[in-house]
């Protein structure tokens, strides 16, 4: 499904960039997005509170 989204974005002249925020310890999701060309552009430290602890988010971007 991510591949179809990337393909649709590349086919649309009005789309320049795709952005995603992924909970930092989610290695599988990070690897999947990197497989499609997303790059790490930063980390938002301890911005989400879930399961009694703070989580950081990794910010990824793909220029299409």
N, C-alpha and C. Protein backbone atom coordinates (compact mmCIF):
# COMPACT_ATOMS: atom_id res chain seq x y z
N UNK A 1 0.81 -1.18 0.00
CA UNK A 1 0.00 0.00 0.00
C UNK A 1 0.87 1.26 0.00
N UNK A 2 1.99 1.23 0.71
CA UNK A 2 2.88 2.39 0.72
C UNK A 2 3.43 2.65 -0.68
N UNK A 3 3.76 1.60 -1.40
CA UNK A 3 4.25 1.75 -2.76
C UNK A 3 3.24 2.44 -3.66
N UNK A 4 1.97 2.09 -3.52
CA UNK A 4 0.92 2.71 -4.32
C UNK A 4 0.78 4.19 -3.97
N UNK A 5 0.92 4.52 -2.70
CA UNK A 5 0.85 5.92 -2.28
C UNK A 5 2.01 6.73 -2.87
N UNK A 6 3.20 6.17 -2.82
CA UNK A 6 4.38 6.85 -3.38
C UNK A 6 4.21 7.03 -4.89
N UNK A 7 3.75 6.00 -5.57
CA UNK A 7 3.53 6.09 -7.02
C UNK A 7 2.50 7.17 -7.36
N UNK A 8 1.41 7.22 -6.60
CA UNK A 8 0.37 8.23 -6.84
C UNK A 8 0.91 9.63 -6.60
N UNK A 9 1.72 9.78 -5.57
CA UNK A 9 2.30 11.10 -5.28
C UNK A 9 3.24 11.54 -6.39
N UNK A 10 4.02 10.60 -6.90
CA UNK A 10 4.95 10.94 -8.00
C UNK A 10 4.22 11.29 -9.29
N UNK A 11 3.03 10.74 -9.46
CA UNK A 11 2.24 11.01 -10.67
C UNK A 11 1.48 12.34 -10.59
N UNK A 12 1.42 12.94 -9.42
CA UNK A 12 0.67 14.18 -9.23
C UNK A 12 1.64 15.37 -9.17
N UNK A 13 1.54 16.26 -10.14
CA UNK A 13 2.44 17.41 -10.20
C UNK A 13 2.31 18.36 -9.01
N UNK A 14 1.21 18.27 -8.29
CA UNK A 14 0.99 19.17 -7.15
C UNK A 14 1.63 18.65 -5.86
N UNK A 15 2.10 17.41 -5.87
CA UNK A 15 2.72 16.83 -4.68
C UNK A 15 4.23 16.94 -4.81
N UNK A 16 4.85 17.52 -3.82
CA UNK A 16 6.31 17.68 -3.84
C UNK A 16 7.00 16.84 -2.78
N UNK A 17 6.30 16.57 -1.67
CA UNK A 17 6.93 15.93 -0.53
C UNK A 17 5.93 15.08 0.24
N UNK A 18 6.37 13.91 0.70
CA UNK A 18 5.58 13.10 1.61
C UNK A 18 6.29 13.10 2.96
N UNK A 19 5.50 13.22 4.03
CA UNK A 19 6.04 13.26 5.38
C UNK A 19 5.40 12.16 6.23
N UNK A 20 6.16 11.64 7.17
CA UNK A 20 5.61 10.68 8.12
C UNK A 20 6.30 10.83 9.46
N UNK A 21 5.58 10.55 10.51
CA UNK A 21 6.12 10.50 11.87
C UNK A 21 5.91 9.09 12.39
N UNK A 22 7.00 8.46 12.82
CA UNK A 22 6.95 7.07 13.27
C UNK A 22 7.53 6.99 14.67
N UNK A 23 6.86 6.25 15.53
CA UNK A 23 7.38 6.04 16.88
C UNK A 23 8.77 5.42 16.74
N UNK A 24 9.75 6.07 17.34
CA UNK A 24 11.15 5.73 17.12
C UNK A 24 11.53 4.26 17.31
N UNK A 25 10.99 3.54 18.30
CA UNK A 25 11.42 2.15 18.42
C UNK A 25 10.81 1.20 17.38
N UNK A 26 9.97 1.69 16.48
CA UNK A 26 9.32 0.83 15.49
C UNK A 26 10.26 0.60 14.29
N UNK A 27 11.22 -0.27 14.48
CA UNK A 27 12.25 -0.52 13.47
C UNK A 27 11.67 -1.04 12.16
N UNK A 28 10.65 -1.88 12.22
CA UNK A 28 10.06 -2.44 11.00
C UNK A 28 9.45 -1.35 10.13
N UNK A 29 8.73 -0.43 10.74
CA UNK A 29 8.13 0.66 9.98
C UNK A 29 9.19 1.60 9.42
N UNK A 30 10.20 1.89 10.21
CA UNK A 30 11.29 2.74 9.72
C UNK A 30 11.97 2.11 8.51
N UNK A 31 12.26 0.82 8.57
CA UNK A 31 12.91 0.12 7.45
C UNK A 31 12.01 0.10 6.22
N UNK A 32 10.72 -0.11 6.42
CA UNK A 32 9.79 -0.12 5.29
C UNK A 32 9.81 1.23 4.57
N UNK A 33 9.69 2.31 5.32
CA UNK A 33 9.69 3.63 4.71
C UNK A 33 11.03 3.94 4.03
N UNK A 34 12.12 3.55 4.65
CA UNK A 34 13.44 3.77 4.04
C UNK A 34 13.57 2.98 2.74
N UNK A 35 12.95 1.81 2.68
CA UNK A 35 12.96 1.00 1.44
C UNK A 35 12.35 1.77 0.28
N UNK A 36 11.37 2.63 0.57
CA UNK A 36 10.69 3.41 -0.47
C UNK A 36 11.33 4.78 -0.66
N UNK A 37 12.47 5.02 -0.01
CA UNK A 37 13.22 6.24 -0.26
C UNK A 37 13.04 7.35 0.76
N UNK A 38 12.26 7.13 1.79
CA UNK A 38 12.10 8.14 2.83
C UNK A 38 13.42 8.30 3.58
N UNK A 39 13.72 9.54 3.97
CA UNK A 39 14.94 9.83 4.71
C UNK A 39 14.61 10.43 6.07
N UNK A 40 15.43 10.11 7.04
CA UNK A 40 15.28 10.65 8.39
C UNK A 40 15.67 12.12 8.37
N UNK A 41 14.75 12.98 8.79
CA UNK A 41 15.03 14.42 8.83
C UNK A 41 14.99 14.97 10.25
N UNK A 42 14.85 14.08 11.22
CA UNK A 42 14.91 14.54 12.60
C UNK A 42 14.12 13.68 13.56
N UNK A 43 14.30 13.99 14.84
CA UNK A 43 13.60 13.27 15.90
C UNK A 43 12.94 14.28 16.83
N UNK A 44 11.68 14.02 17.13
CA UNK A 44 10.95 14.81 18.12
C UNK A 44 10.99 14.00 19.41
N UNK A 45 11.73 14.47 20.38
CA UNK A 45 11.98 13.69 21.58
C UNK A 45 10.85 13.80 22.59
N UNK A 46 10.40 12.62 23.02
CA UNK A 46 9.42 12.49 24.10
C UNK A 46 8.19 13.39 23.92
N UNK A 47 7.53 13.27 22.78
CA UNK A 47 6.35 14.10 22.49
C UNK A 47 5.03 13.35 22.62
N UNK A 48 5.09 12.03 22.77
CA UNK A 48 3.88 11.21 22.91
C UNK A 48 3.94 10.44 24.22
N UNK A 49 2.82 10.36 24.88
CA UNK A 49 2.76 9.61 26.14
C UNK A 49 1.83 8.42 25.93
N UNK A 50 2.36 7.21 26.07
CA UNK A 50 1.58 6.00 25.83
C UNK A 50 2.12 4.88 26.71
N UNK A 51 1.23 4.09 27.24
CA UNK A 51 1.62 2.96 28.09
C UNK A 51 2.54 3.38 29.22
N UNK A 52 2.21 4.50 29.84
CA UNK A 52 2.91 5.00 31.03
C UNK A 52 4.35 5.45 30.79
N UNK A 53 4.70 5.79 29.54
CA UNK A 53 6.01 6.39 29.32
C UNK A 53 6.00 7.26 28.07
N UNK A 54 6.99 8.12 27.99
CA UNK A 54 7.11 9.07 26.88
C UNK A 54 7.80 8.40 25.69
N UNK A 55 7.31 8.72 24.50
CA UNK A 55 7.86 8.16 23.26
C UNK A 55 8.36 9.28 22.35
N UNK A 56 9.41 8.99 21.63
CA UNK A 56 9.94 9.93 20.64
C UNK A 56 9.42 9.53 19.26
N UNK A 57 9.36 10.51 18.36
CA UNK A 57 8.93 10.27 16.99
C UNK A 57 10.07 10.56 16.02
N UNK A 58 10.25 9.69 15.06
CA UNK A 58 11.21 9.93 13.99
C UNK A 58 10.45 10.54 12.82
N UNK A 59 10.96 11.64 12.30
CA UNK A 59 10.33 12.37 11.20
C UNK A 59 11.05 11.98 9.92
N UNK A 60 10.29 11.40 8.99
CA UNK A 60 10.84 10.98 7.68
C UNK A 60 10.20 11.80 6.56
N UNK A 61 10.99 12.00 5.51
CA UNK A 61 10.49 12.77 4.36
C UNK A 61 10.95 12.12 3.07
N UNK A 62 10.08 12.18 2.07
CA UNK A 62 10.41 11.72 0.72
C UNK A 62 10.07 12.84 -0.25
N UNK A 63 11.07 13.33 -0.97
CA UNK A 63 10.82 14.31 -2.02
C UNK A 63 10.48 13.54 -3.28
N UNK A 64 9.30 13.81 -3.84
CA UNK A 64 8.86 13.06 -5.02
C UNK A 64 9.09 13.87 -6.27
